[in-house]
PDB file of N, CA and C in Angstrom:
ATOM      1  N   MET A   1      15.693   6.389  -2.782  1.00  0.00           N
ATOM      2  CA  MET A   1      14.623   5.409  -3.333  1.00  0.00           C
ATOM      3  C   MET A   1      13.469   6.301  -3.754  1.00  0.00           C
ATOM      4  N   ALA A   2      12.977   6.011  -4.996  1.00  0.00           N
ATOM      5  CA  ALA A   2      12.035   6.739  -5.801  1.00  0.00           C
ATOM      6  C   ALA A   2      10.784   5.878  -5.540  1.00  0.00           C
ATOM      7  N   THR A   3       9.974   6.951  -5.166  1.00  0.00           N
ATOM      8  CA  THR A   3       8.622   6.201  -5.057  1.00  0.00           C
ATOM      9  C   THR A   3       7.553   6.834  -6.095  1.00  0.00           C
ATOM     10  N   GLY A   4       6.597   6.232  -6.640  1.00  0.00           N
ATOM     11  CA  GLY A   4       5.597   6.842  -7.198  1.00  0.00           C
ATOM     12  C   GLY A   4       4.399   7.407  -6.592  1.00  0.00           C
ATOM     13  N   ARG A   5       3.181   7.796  -7.508  1.00  0.00           N
ATOM     14  CA  ARG A   5       2.174   7.904  -6.829  1.00  0.00           C
ATOM     15  C   ARG A   5       1.376   6.780  -6.258  1.00  0.00           C
ATOM     16  N   LYS A   6       0.660   6.830  -5.513  1.00  0.00           N
ATOM     17  CA  LYS A   6      -0.051   6.004  -4.802  1.00  0.00           C
ATOM     18  C   LYS A   6      -1.606   5.630  -5.608  1.00  0.00           C
ATOM     19  N   ILE A   7      -1.959   4.432  -5.633  1.00  0.00           N
ATOM     20  CA  ILE A   7      -3.271   3.944  -6.177  1.00  0.00           C
ATOM     21  C   ILE A   7      -4.602   4.769  -5.702  1.00  0.00           C
ATOM     22  N   GLU A   8      -5.317   5.418  -6.061  1.00  0.00           N
ATOM     23  CA  GLU A   8      -6.327   5.975  -5.318  1.00  0.00           C
ATOM     24  C   GLU A   8      -7.503   5.343  -4.729  1.00  0.00           C
ATOM     25  N   ASP A   9      -7.993   4.105  -5.737  1.00  0.00           N
ATOM     26  CA  ASP A   9      -9.202   3.631  -5.246  1.00  0.00           C
ATOM     27  C   ASP A   9      -9.239   2.316  -6.073  1.00  0.00           C
ATOM     28  N   GLU A  10     -10.178   1.276  -5.771  1.00  0.00           N
ATOM     29  CA  GLU A  10     -10.354   0.017  -5.914  1.00  0.00           C
ATOM     30  C   GLU A  10     -10.340  -0.147  -7.576  1.00  0.00           C
ATOM     31  N   SER A  11     -11.230   0.767  -8.129  1.00  0.00           N
ATOM     32  CA  SER A  11     -11.443   0.995  -9.449  1.00  0.00           C
ATOM     33  C   SER A  11     -10.071   1.034 -10.322  1.00  0.00           C
ATOM     34  N   GLU A  12      -9.453   1.964  -9.776  1.00  0.00           N
ATOM     35  CA  GLU A  12      -8.048   2.380 -10.407  1.00  0.00           C
ATOM     36  C   GLU A  12      -6.965   1.214  -9.902  1.00  0.00           C
ATOM     37  N   ALA A  13      -7.136   0.420  -8.983  1.00  0.00           N
ATOM     38  CA  ALA A  13      -6.422  -0.665  -8.740  1.00  0.00           C
ATOM     39  C   ALA A  13      -6.538  -1.869  -9.793  1.00  0.00           C
ATOM     40  N   ARG A  14      -7.929  -2.299  -9.924  1.00  0.00           N
ATOM     41  CA  ARG A  14      -8.235  -3.122 -10.991  1.00  0.00           C
ATOM     42  C   ARG A  14      -7.784  -2.658 -12.412  1.00  0.00           C
ATOM     43  N   ARG A  15      -7.957  -1.777 -12.864  1.00  0.00           N
ATOM     44  CA  ARG A  15      -7.643  -1.179 -14.068  1.00  0.00           C
ATOM     45  C   ARG A  15      -6.160  -1.450 -14.475  1.00  0.00           C
ATOM     46  N   CYS A  16      -5.196  -1.063 -13.203  1.00  0.00           N
ATOM     47  CA  CYS A  16      -3.809  -1.086 -13.120  1.00  0.00           C
ATOM     48  C   CYS A  16      -3.422  -2.614 -13.028  1.00  0.00           C
ATOM     49  N   LEU A  17      -4.117  -3.666 -12.418  1.00  0.00           N
ATOM     50  CA  LEU A  17      -3.640  -5.026 -12.345  1.00  0.00           C
ATOM     51  C   LEU A  17      -4.096  -5.720 -13.548  1.00  0.00           C
ATOM     52  N   LEU A  18      -4.929  -5.314 -14.243  1.00  0.00           N
ATOM     53  CA  LEU A  18      -5.537  -5.767 -15.600  1.00  0.00           C
ATOM     54  C   LEU A  18      -4.494  -5.342 -16.584  1.00  0.00           C
ATOM     55  N   ALA A  19      -3.984  -4.134 -16.707  1.00  0.00           N
ATOM     56  CA  ALA A  19      -3.110  -3.697 -17.630  1.00  0.00           C
ATOM     57  C   ALA A  19      -1.733  -4.414 -17.217  1.00  0.00           C
ATOM     58  N   ALA A  20      -1.286  -4.328 -16.331  1.00  0.00           N
ATOM     59  CA  ALA A  20      -0.215  -5.265 -15.851  1.00  0.00           C
ATOM     60  C   ALA A  20      -0.090  -6.557 -16.415  1.00  0.00           C
ATOM     61  N   LYS A  21      -1.294  -7.333 -16.134  1.00  0.00           N
ATOM     62  CA  LYS A  21      -1.307  -8.551 -16.851  1.00  0.00           C
ATOM     63  C   LYS A  21      -1.065  -8.675 -18.236  1.00  0.00           C
ATOM     64  N   ARG A  22      -1.833  -7.633 -19.100  1.00  0.00           N
ATOM     65  CA  ARG A  22      -2.057  -7.863 -20.392  1.00  0.00           C
ATOM     66  C   ARG A  22      -0.567  -7.321 -21.075  1.00  0.00           C
ATOM     67  N   SER A  23       0.198  -6.739 -20.263  1.00  0.00           N
ATOM     68  CA  SER A  23       1.643  -6.661 -20.581  1.00  0.00           C
ATOM     69  C   SER A  23       2.416  -7.641 -20.576  1.00  0.00           C
ATOM     70  N   GLY A  24       2.189  -8.432 -19.602  1.00  0.00           N
ATOM     71  CA  GLY A  24       3.087  -9.503 -19.351  1.00  0.00           C
ATOM     72  C   GLY A  24       4.113  -9.534 -18.426  1.00  0.00           C
ATOM     73  N   LEU A  25       4.093  -8.202 -17.924  1.00  0.00           N
ATOM     74  CA  LEU A  25       5.215  -7.776 -16.947  1.00  0.00           C
ATOM     75  C   LEU A  25       4.478  -8.152 -15.392  1.00  0.00           C
ATOM     76  N   SER A  26       5.276  -8.178 -14.389  1.00  0.00           N
ATOM     77  CA  SER A  26       4.876  -8.180 -13.029  1.00  0.00           C
ATOM     78  C   SER A  26       4.345  -7.062 -12.737  1.00  0.00           C
ATOM     79  N   ALA A  27       3.487  -6.912 -11.516  1.00  0.00           N
ATOM     80  CA  ALA A  27       2.663  -5.829 -11.084  1.00  0.00           C
ATOM     81  C   ALA A  27       3.681  -4.718 -10.904  1.00  0.00           C
ATOM     82  N   GLY A  28       4.875  -5.170 -10.228  1.00  0.00           N
ATOM     83  CA  GLY A  28       5.984  -4.239  -9.685  1.00  0.00           C
ATOM     84  C   GLY A  28       6.438  -3.457 -10.675  1.00  0.00           C
ATOM     85  N   GLU A  29       6.954  -4.429 -11.920  1.00  0.00           N
ATOM     86  CA  GLU A  29       7.583  -3.689 -12.952  1.00  0.00           C
ATOM     87  C   GLU A  29       6.753  -2.903 -13.826  1.00  0.00           C
ATOM     88  N   TRP A  30       5.494  -3.152 -13.945  1.00  0.00           N
ATOM     89  CA  TRP A  30       4.345  -2.345 -14.644  1.00  0.00           C
ATOM     90  C   TRP A  30       4.248  -0.926 -14.082  1.00  0.00           C
ATOM     91  N   ALA A  31       4.172  -1.107 -12.704  1.00  0.00           N
ATOM     92  CA  ALA A  31       4.004  -0.033 -11.982  1.00  0.00           C
ATOM     93  C   ALA A  31       4.858   1.376 -12.005  1.00  0.00           C
ATOM     94  N   ARG A  32       6.211   0.334 -11.884  1.00  0.00           N
ATOM     95  CA  ARG A  32       7.335   1.543 -11.810  1.00  0.00           C
ATOM     96  C   ARG A  32       7.332   2.088 -13.193  1.00  0.00           C
ATOM     97  N   GLY A  33       7.144   1.367 -14.177  1.00  0.00           N
ATOM     98  CA  GLY A  33       7.308   1.803 -15.729  1.00  0.00           C
ATOM     99  C   GLY A  33       6.229   3.186 -15.792  1.00  0.00           C
ATOM    100  N   ARG A  34       5.329   3.153 -14.965  1.00  0.00           N
ATOM    101  CA  ARG A  34       4.213   4.308 -15.117  1.00  0.00           C
ATOM    102  C   ARG A  34       4.013   5.254 -14.046  1.00  0.00           C
ATOM    103  N   GLY A  35       5.120   5.401 -13.342  1.00  0.00           N
ATOM    104  CA  GLY A  35       5.173   6.339 -12.188  1.00  0.00           C
ATOM    105  C   GLY A  35       4.196   5.984 -11.085  1.00  0.00           C
ATOM    106  N   ILE A  36       3.911   4.443 -10.901  1.00  0.00           N
ATOM    107  CA  ILE A  36       3.138   4.375  -9.798  1.00  0.00           C
ATOM    108  C   ILE A  36       3.994   3.372  -8.706  1.00  0.00           C
ATOM    109  N   ASP A  37       3.352   4.063  -7.208  1.00  0.00           N
ATOM    110  CA  ASP A  37       4.410   3.069  -6.355  1.00  0.00           C
ATOM    111  C   ASP A  37       3.846   1.671  -6.235  1.00  0.00           C
ATOM    112  N   GLY A  38       4.880   1.001  -6.606  1.00  0.00           N
ATOM    113  CA  GLY A  38       4.763  -0.615  -6.743  1.00  0.00           C
ATOM    114  C   GLY A  38       4.108  -1.168  -5.186  1.00  0.00           C
ATOM    115  N   ARG A  39       4.631  -0.783  -4.132  1.00  0.00           N
ATOM    116  CA  ARG A  39       3.890  -1.091  -2.941  1.00  0.00           C
ATOM    117  C   ARG A  39       2.443  -0.716  -2.790  1.00  0.00           C
ATOM    118  N   SER A  40       2.172   0.311  -3.289  1.00  0.00           N
ATOM    119  CA  SER A  40       0.712   0.706  -3.298  1.00  0.00           C
ATOM    120  C   SER A  40       0.050  -0.297  -4.165  1.00  0.00           C
ATOM    121  N   LEU A  41       0.289  -0.661  -5.451  1.00  0.00           N
ATOM    122  CA  LEU A  41      -0.252  -1.550  -6.294  1.00  0.00           C
ATOM    123  C   LEU A  41      -0.290  -2.956  -5.534  1.00  0.00           C
ATOM    124  N   HIS A  42       0.848  -3.221  -5.041  1.00  0.00           N
ATOM    125  CA  HIS A  42       0.695  -4.625  -4.508  1.00  0.00           C
ATOM    126  C   HIS A  42      -0.082  -4.789  -3.116  1.00  0.00           C
ATOM    127  N   ALA A  43      -0.428  -3.579  -2.392  1.00  0.00           N
ATOM    128  CA  ALA A  43      -1.090  -3.489  -1.244  1.00  0.00           C
ATOM    129  C   ALA A  43      -2.693  -3.767  -1.731  1.00  0.00           C
ATOM    130  N   TRP A  44      -2.862  -3.203  -2.766  1.00  0.00           N
ATOM    131  CA  TRP A  44      -4.227  -3.272  -3.369  1.00  0.00           C
ATOM    132  C   TRP A  44      -4.516  -4.821  -3.973  1.00  0.00           C
ATOM    133  N   GLN A  45      -3.692  -5.484  -4.448  1.00  0.00           N
ATOM    134  CA  GLN A  45      -3.612  -6.613  -5.051  1.00  0.00           C
ATOM    135  C   GLN A  45      -3.769  -7.845  -3.961  1.00  0.00           C
ATOM    136  N   MET A  46      -3.053  -7.360  -2.792  1.00  0.00           N
ATOM    137  CA  MET A  46      -3.307  -8.479  -1.483  1.00  0.00           C
ATOM    138  C   MET A  46      -4.657  -8.298  -1.117  1.00  0.00           C
ATOM    139  N   ASN A  47      -5.070  -7.037  -0.811  1.00  0.00           N
ATOM    140  CA  ASN A  47      -6.217  -6.708  -0.260  1.00  0.00           C
ATOM    141  C   ASN A  47      -7.524  -7.122  -1.173  1.00  0.00           C
ATOM    142  N   LEU A  48      -7.452  -7.185  -2.445  1.00  0.00           N
ATOM    143  CA  LEU A  48      -8.605  -7.963  -3.378  1.00  0.00           C
ATOM    144  C   LEU A  48      -8.535  -9.269  -3.049  1.00  0.00           C
ATOM    145  N   GLU A  49      -7.168  -9.872  -3.062  1.00  0.00           N
ATOM    146  CA  GLU A  49      -7.091 -11.245  -3.145  1.00  0.00           C
ATOM    147  C   GLU A  49      -7.878 -11.813  -1.426  1.00  0.00           C
ATOM    148  N   ARG A  50      -7.565 -11.183  -0.691  1.00  0.00           N
ATOM    149  CA  ARG A  50      -8.077 -11.559   0.709  1.00  0.00           C
ATOM    150  C   ARG A  50      -9.761 -11.434   0.490  1.00  0.00           C
ATOM    151  N   ALA A  51     -10.020 -10.409  -0.018  1.00  0.00           N
ATOM    152  CA  ALA A  51     -11.613 -10.298  -0.182  1.00  0.00           C
ATOM    153  C   ALA A  51     -12.265 -11.072  -0.989  1.00  0.00           C
ATOM    154  N   GLY A  52     -11.468 -12.455  -1.377  1.00  0.00           N
ATOM    155  CA  GLY A  52     -12.035 -13.248  -2.476  1.00  0.00           C
ATOM    156  C   GLY A  52     -12.264 -12.943  -3.884  1.00  0.00           C
ATOM    157  N   VAL A  53     -11.506 -11.854  -4.026  1.00  0.00           N
ATOM    158  CA  VAL A  53     -11.703 -11.382  -5.445  1.00  0.00           C
ATOM    159  C   VAL A  53     -10.261 -11.725  -6.111  1.00  0.00           C
ATOM    160  N   PRO A  54     -10.217 -12.765  -7.056  1.00  0.00           N
ATOM    161  CA  PRO A  54      -8.691 -13.006  -7.674  1.00  0.00           C
ATOM    162  C   PRO A  54      -7.996 -11.723  -8.257  1.00  0.00           C
ATOM    163  N   ALA A  55      -7.039 -11.650  -8.069  1.00  0.00           N
ATOM    164  CA  ALA A  55      -6.097 -10.408  -8.366  1.00  0.00           C
ATOM    165  C   ALA A  55      -5.748 -11.157  -9.986  1.00  0.00           C
ATOM    166  N   ARG A  56      -5.790 -10.109 -11.072  1.00  0.00           N
ATOM    167  CA  ARG A  56      -5.432 -10.798 -12.249  1.00  0.00           C
ATOM    168  C   ARG A  56      -4.126 -11.029 -12.649  1.00  0.00           C
ATOM    169  N   THR A  57      -3.235 -10.432 -11.643  1.00  0.00           N
ATOM    170  CA  THR A  57      -1.713 -10.624 -11.867  1.00  0.00           C
ATOM    171  C   THR A  57      -0.944 -11.534 -11.164  1.00  0.00           C
ATOM    172  N   ARG A  58      -1.608 -12.229 -10.135  1.00  0.00           N
ATOM    173  CA  ARG A  58      -1.009 -13.058  -9.217  1.00  0.00           C
ATOM    174  C   ARG A  58      -0.377 -14.201 -10.080  1.00  0.00           C
ATOM    175  N   ARG A  59       0.685 -14.413  -9.623  1.00  0.00           N
ATOM    176  CA  ARG A  59       1.954 -15.351 -10.185  1.00  0.00           C
ATOM    177  C   ARG A  59       2.096 -16.560  -9.108  1.00  0.00           C
ATOM    178  N   ARG A  60       1.923 -16.230  -7.852  1.00  0.00           N
ATOM    179  CA  ARG A  60       1.907 -17.526  -6.917  1.00  0.00           C
ATOM    180  C   ARG A  60       0.896 -17.387  -5.824  1.00  0.00           C
ATOM    181  N   GLU A  61       0.659 -18.481  -5.520  1.00  0.00           N
ATOM    182  CA  GLU A  61      -0.126 -18.414  -4.110  1.00  0.00           C
ATOM    183  C   GLU A  61      -0.002 -17.318  -3.237  1.00  0.00           C
ATOM    184  N   PRO A  62      -0.842 -16.691  -2.652  1.00  0.00           N
ATOM    185  CA  PRO A  62      -0.837 -15.713  -1.374  1.00  0.00           C
ATOM    186  C   PRO A  62      -0.411 -16.616  -0.360  1.00  0.00           C
ATOM    187  N   ARG A  63       0.036 -15.844   0.592  1.00  0.00           N
ATOM    188  CA  ARG A  63       0.602 -16.568   2.112  1.00  0.00           C
ATOM    189  C   ARG A  63      -0.583 -16.518   2.742  1.00  0.00           C
ATOM    190  N   VAL A  64      -0.867 -17.512   3.513  1.00  0.00           N
ATOM    191  CA  VAL A  64      -1.912 -17.666   4.428  1.00  0.00           C
ATOM    192  C   VAL A  64      -1.639 -16.586   5.581  1.00  0.00           C
ATOM    193  N   THR A  65      -2.766 -15.794   5.594  1.00  0.00           N
ATOM    194  CA  THR A  65      -2.918 -14.645   6.714  1.00  0.00           C
ATOM    195  C   THR A  65      -4.170 -14.903   7.558  1.00  0.00           C
ATOM    196  N   PRO A  66      -4.210 -14.292   8.818  1.00  0.00           N
ATOM    197  CA  PRO A  66      -5.375 -14.489   9.391  1.00  0.00           C
ATOM    198  C   PRO A  66      -6.476 -13.180   8.715  1.00  0.00           C
ATOM    199  N   ALA A  67      -7.646 -13.740   8.405  1.00  0.00           N
ATOM    200  CA  ALA A  67      -8.579 -13.057   7.721  1.00  0.00           C
ATOM    201  C   ALA A  67      -9.089 -11.857   8.364  1.00  0.00           C
ATOM    202  N   ALA A  68      -9.079 -11.668   9.770  1.00  0.00           N
ATOM    203  CA  ALA A  68      -9.275 -10.331  10.193  1.00  0.00           C
ATOM    204  C   ALA A  68      -8.303  -9.246  10.138  1.00  0.00           C
ATOM    205  N   ARG A  69      -7.205  -9.609   9.592  1.00  0.00           N
ATOM    206  CA  ARG A  69      -6.215  -8.387   9.612  1.00  0.00           C
ATOM    207  C   ARG A  69      -6.366  -8.065   8.310  1.00  0.00           C
ATOM    208  N   GLU A  70      -6.127  -6.682   8.208  1.00  0.00           N
ATOM    209  CA  GLU A  70      -6.193  -6.001   6.850  1.00  0.00           C
ATOM    210  C   GLU A  70      -4.821  -5.213   6.642  1.00  0.00           C
ATOM    211  N   LEU A  71      -4.438  -5.320   5.191  1.00  0.00           N
ATOM    212  CA  LEU A  71      -3.128  -4.830   4.844  1.00  0.00           C
ATOM    213  C   LEU A  71      -3.094  -3.249   5.012  1.00  0.00           C
ATOM    214  N   VAL A  72      -2.301  -2.641   5.686  1.00  0.00           N
ATOM    215  CA  VAL A  72      -2.468  -0.915   5.679  1.00  0.00           C
ATOM    216  C   VAL A  72      -1.490  -0.365   4.879  1.00  0.00           C
ATOM    217  N   GLU A  73      -2.102   0.352   4.025  1.00  0.00           N
ATOM    218  CA  GLU A  73      -0.744   1.011   3.149  1.00  0.00           C
ATOM    219  C   GLU A  73      -0.086   2.132   3.747  1.00  0.00           C
ATOM    220  N   LEU A  74       1.252   2.216   3.609  1.00  0.00           N
ATOM    221  CA  LEU A  74       2.033   3.391   3.998  1.00  0.00           C
ATOM    222  C   LEU A  74       2.696   3.665   3.083  1.00  0.00           C
ATOM    223  N   VAL A  75       2.512   5.049   2.493  1.00  0.00           N
ATOM    224  CA  VAL A  75       3.408   5.390   1.536  1.00  0.00           C
ATOM    225  C   VAL A  75       3.807   6.893   1.955  1.00  0.00           C
ATOM    226  N   PRO A  76       4.856   7.363   1.178  1.00  0.00           N
ATOM    227  CA  PRO A  76       5.221   8.638   1.698  1.00  0.00           C
ATOM    228  C   PRO A  76       4.087   9.638   1.142  1.00  0.00           C
ATOM    229  N   ALA A  77       3.784  10.895   1.759  1.00  0.00           N
ATOM    230  CA  ALA A  77       2.614  11.675   1.016  1.00  0.00           C
ATOM    231  C   ALA A  77       3.368  12.691   0.364  1.00  0.00           C
ATOM    232  N   THR A  78       4.750  12.963   0.461  1.00  0.00           N
ATOM    233  CA  THR A  78       5.132  13.882  -0.334  1.00  0.00           C
ATOM    234  C   THR A  78       5.857  13.615  -1.771  1.00  0.00           C
ATOM    235  N   ARG A  79       6.198  14.294  -2.603  1.00  0.00           N
ATOM    236  CA  ARG A  79       6.889  13.986  -3.860  1.00  0.00           C
ATOM    237  C   ARG A  79       8.108  14.859  -3.852  1.00  0.00           C
ATOM    238  N   GLY A  80       9.079  14.099  -4.429  1.00  0.00           N
ATOM    239  CA  GLY A  80      10.450  14.841  -4.557  1.00  0.00           C
ATOM    240  C   GLY A  80      11.192  14.652  -3.309  1.00  0.00           C
ATOM    241  N   GLY A  81      12.167  15.666  -3.177  1.00  0.00           N
ATOM    242  CA  GLY A  81      13.281  15.398  -2.037  1.00  0.00           C
ATOM    243  C   GLY A  81      12.577  16.281  -0.844  1.00  0.00           C
ATOM    244  N   GLY A  82      13.359  16.253   0.184  1.00  0.00           N
ATOM    245  CA  GLY A  82      12.946  16.483   1.217  1.00  0.00           C
ATOM    246  C   GLY A  82      12.490  15.431   2.516  1.00  0.00           C
ATOM    247  N   ALA A  83      12.142  15.887   3.584  1.00  0.00           N
ATOM    248  CA  ALA A  83      11.761  14.854   4.480  1.00  0.00           C
ATOM    249  C   ALA A  83      10.072  14.485   4.129  1.00  0.00           C
ATOM    250  N   GLY A  84       9.937  13.237   4.315  1.00  0.00           N
ATOM    251  CA  GLY A  84       8.921  12.466   3.827  1.00  0.00           C
ATOM    252  C   GLY A  84       7.735  12.472   5.078  1.00  0.00           C
ATOM    253  N   ARG A  85       6.500  12.664   4.533  1.00  0.00           N
ATOM    254  CA  ARG A  85       5.060  12.665   5.393  1.00  0.00           C
ATOM    255  C   ARG A  85       4.464  11.413   5.202  1.00  0.00           C
ATOM    256  N   TYR A  86       4.049  10.719   6.012  1.00  0.00           N
ATOM    257  CA  TYR A  86       3.342   9.652   6.016  1.00  0.00           C
ATOM    258  C   TYR A  86       1.890   9.372   6.746  1.00  0.00           C
ATOM    259  N   VAL A  87       1.104   8.837   6.057  1.00  0.00           N
ATOM    260  CA  VAL A  87      -0.333   9.122   6.482  1.00  0.00           C
ATOM    261  C   VAL A  87      -0.811   7.605   6.927  1.00  0.00           C
ATOM    262  N   LEU A  88      -1.219   7.286   8.101  1.00  0.00           N
ATOM    263  CA  LEU A  88      -1.903   6.122   8.204  1.00  0.00           C
ATOM    264  C   LEU A  88      -3.088   6.194   8.478  1.00  0.00           C
ATOM    265  N   GLU A  89      -3.958   5.259   7.632  1.00  0.00           N
ATOM    266  CA  GLU A  89      -5.678   5.330   7.898  1.00  0.00           C
ATOM    267  C   GLU A  89      -5.978   4.114   8.209  1.00  0.00           C
ATOM    268  N   VAL A  90      -6.574   3.840   9.193  1.00  0.00           N
ATOM    269  CA  VAL A  90      -7.293   2.340   9.797  1.00  0.00           C
ATOM    270  C   VAL A  90      -8.592   2.653  10.378  1.00  0.00           C
ATOM    271  N   ALA A  91      -9.583   2.115   9.755  1.00  0.00           N
ATOM    272  CA  ALA A  91     -10.996   2.310  10.179  1.00  0.00           C
ATOM    273  C   ALA A  91     -11.436   3.485  10.743  1.00  0.00           C
ATOM    274  N   GLY A  92     -11.266   4.548   9.809  1.00  0.00           N
ATOM    275  CA  GLY A  92     -11.696   5.861   9.944  1.00  0.00           C
ATOM    276  C   GLY A  92     -10.465   6.563  10.772  1.00  0.00           C
ATOM    277  N   ALA A  93      -9.894   6.219  11.498  1.00  0.00           N
ATOM    278  CA  ALA A  93      -8.785   7.005  12.288  1.00  0.00           C
ATOM    279  C   ALA A  93      -7.383   7.309  11.347  1.00  0.00           C
ATOM    280  N   ARG A  94      -6.976   8.514  11.262  1.00  0.00           N
ATOM    281  CA  ARG A  94      -5.864   8.902  10.560  1.00  0.00           C
ATOM    282  C   ARG A  94      -4.721   9.497  11.342  1.00  0.00           C
ATOM    283  N   VAL A  95      -3.701   8.956  11.214  1.00  0.00           N
ATOM    284  CA  VAL A  95      -2.302   9.444  11.985  1.00  0.00           C
ATOM    285  C   VAL A  95      -1.479   9.878  10.912  1.00  0.00           C
ATOM    286  N   GLU A  96      -0.854  11.073  10.963  1.00  0.00           N
ATOM    287  CA  GLU A  96       0.373  11.650   9.871  1.00  0.00           C
ATOM    288  C   GLU A  96       1.419  11.706  10.968  1.00  0.00           C
ATOM    289  N   PHE A  97       2.807  11.547  10.320  1.00  0.00           N
ATOM    290  CA  PHE A  97       3.839  11.820  10.853  1.00  0.00           C
ATOM    291  C   PHE A  97       4.956  12.026   9.901  1.00  0.00           C
ATOM    292  N   GLY A  98       6.108  12.375  10.084  1.00  0.00           N
ATOM    293  CA  GLY A  98       7.117  12.799   9.171  1.00  0.00           C
ATOM    294  C   GLY A  98       8.462  12.064   9.657  1.00  0.00           C
ATOM    295  N   ASP A  99       9.343  11.841   8.603  1.00  0.00           N
ATOM    296  CA  ASP A  99      10.421  11.468   9.126  1.00  0.00           C
ATOM    297  C   ASP A  99      11.187  11.934  10.135  1.00  0.00           C
ATOM    298  N   ASP A 100      10.838  12.926  10.752  1.00  0.00           N
ATOM    299  CA  ASP A 100      11.448  13.422  11.739  1.00  0.00           C
ATOM    300  C   ASP A 100      10.804  13.138  13.403  1.00  0.00           C
ATOM    301  N   ALA A 101       9.915  12.289  13.059  1.00  0.00           N
ATOM    302  CA  ALA A 101       8.975  11.673  14.324  1.00  0.00           C
ATOM    303  C   ALA A 101       9.864  10.768  15.217  1.00  0.00           C
ATOM    304  N   SER A 102      10.026  10.971  16.467  1.00  0.00           N
ATOM    305  CA  SER A 102      11.002  10.009  17.053  1.00  0.00           C
ATOM    306  C   SER A 102      10.231   8.638  17.514  1.00  0.00           C
ATOM    307  N   VAL A 103      11.386   7.807  17.653  1.00  0.00           N
ATOM    308  CA  VAL A 103      10.935   6.479  18.001  1.00  0.00           C
ATOM    309  C   VAL A 103       9.845   6.394  18.934  1.00  0.00           C
ATOM    310  N   ALA A 104      10.229   7.187  20.083  1.00  0.00           N
ATOM    311  CA  ALA A 104       9.414   7.201  21.492  1.00  0.00           C
ATOM    312  C   ALA A 104       7.908   7.610  20.944  1.00  0.00           C
ATOM    313  N   THR A 105       8.065   8.713  20.433  1.00  0.00           N
ATOM    314  CA  THR A 105       6.696   9.193  19.981  1.00  0.00           C
ATOM    315  C   THR A 105       5.745   8.117  19.172  1.00  0.00           C
ATOM    316  N   LEU A 106       6.332   7.551  18.121  1.00  0.00           N
ATOM    317  CA  LEU A 106       5.822   6.631  17.463  1.00  0.00           C
ATOM    318  C   LEU A 106       5.500   5.127  18.351  1.00  0.00           C
ATOM    319  N   ARG A 107       6.174   4.859  19.085  1.00  0.00           N
ATOM    320  CA  ARG A 107       5.936   3.768  20.255  1.00  0.00           C
ATOM    321  C   ARG A 107       4.809   4.137  20.819  1.00  0.00           C
ATOM    322  N   ARG A 108       4.728   5.307  21.497  1.00  0.00           N
ATOM    323  CA  ARG A 108       3.281   5.614  22.128  1.00  0.00           C
ATOM    324  C   ARG A 108       2.254   5.750  21.435  1.00  0.00           C
ATOM    325  N   VAL A 109       2.416   6.206  20.022  1.00  0.00           N
ATOM    326  CA  VAL A 109       0.850   6.086  19.234  1.00  0.00           C
ATOM    327  C   VAL A 109       0.669   4.530  19.087  1.00  0.00           C
ATOM    328  N   LEU A 110       1.441   3.662  18.650  1.00  0.00           N
ATOM    329  CA  LEU A 110       1.127   2.468  18.485  1.00  0.00           C
ATOM    330  C   LEU A 110       0.787   1.641  19.643  1.00  0.00           C
ATOM    331  N   GLU A 111       1.337   1.963  20.854  1.00  0.00           N
ATOM    332  CA  GLU A 111       0.764   1.266  22.105  1.00  0.00           C
ATOM    333  C   GLU A 111      -0.789   1.995  22.186  1.00  0.00           C
ATOM    334  N   ALA A 112      -1.082   3.163  22.039  1.00  0.00           N
ATOM    335  CA  ALA A 112      -2.534   3.604  22.236  1.00  0.00           C
ATOM    336  C   ALA A 112      -3.353   3.048  21.163  1.00  0.00           C
ATOM    337  N   LEU A 113      -2.926   2.832  20.024  1.00  0.00           N
ATOM    338  CA  LEU A 113      -3.891   2.018  18.977  1.00  0.00           C
ATOM    339  C   LEU A 113      -4.051   0.652  19.423  1.00  0.00           C
ATOM    340  N   ARG A 114      -3.024  -0.109  20.027  1.00  0.00           N
ATOM    341  CA  ARG A 114      -3.476  -1.444  20.222  1.00  0.00           C
ATOM    342  C   ARG A 114      -4.254  -1.685  21.346  1.00  0.00           C
ATOM    343  N   SER A 115      -4.369  -0.558  22.119  1.00  0.00           N
ATOM    344  CA  SER A 115      -5.251  -0.456  23.380  1.00  0.00           C
ATOM    345  C   SER A 115      -6.912  -0.487  22.735  1.00  0.00           C
ATOM    346  N   CYS A 116      -7.080   0.006  21.536  1.00  0.00           N
ATOM    347  CA  CYS A 116      -8.390   0.184  20.920  1.00  0.00           C
ATOM    348  C   CYS A 116      -9.116  -0.858  20.716  1.00  0.00           C
TER     349      CYS A 116
END
């Protein structure tokens, strides 16, 4: 699975979404053609929509989701081959893990996060 780079901030996301709309392509097609991870752009698109800012590339109505939840982007932190590294950031907390993380360890981390 080839992934591109992730979108760094809201300003870049807005520029990319507008460029995708102007191109006539879907946001995912546009992103893939430019080496950008389509999941990253889609996550920004959904977060902007949830914040009440209409995403300019929306082609269908967004699914109704609880407003208190925020989409968390999870994209491999490495480029190229080899084991992937993942970074999960939520409300100032940061967790990093790799493809070699055990299911038991990830389960313990998730259980600890649920208790917060």
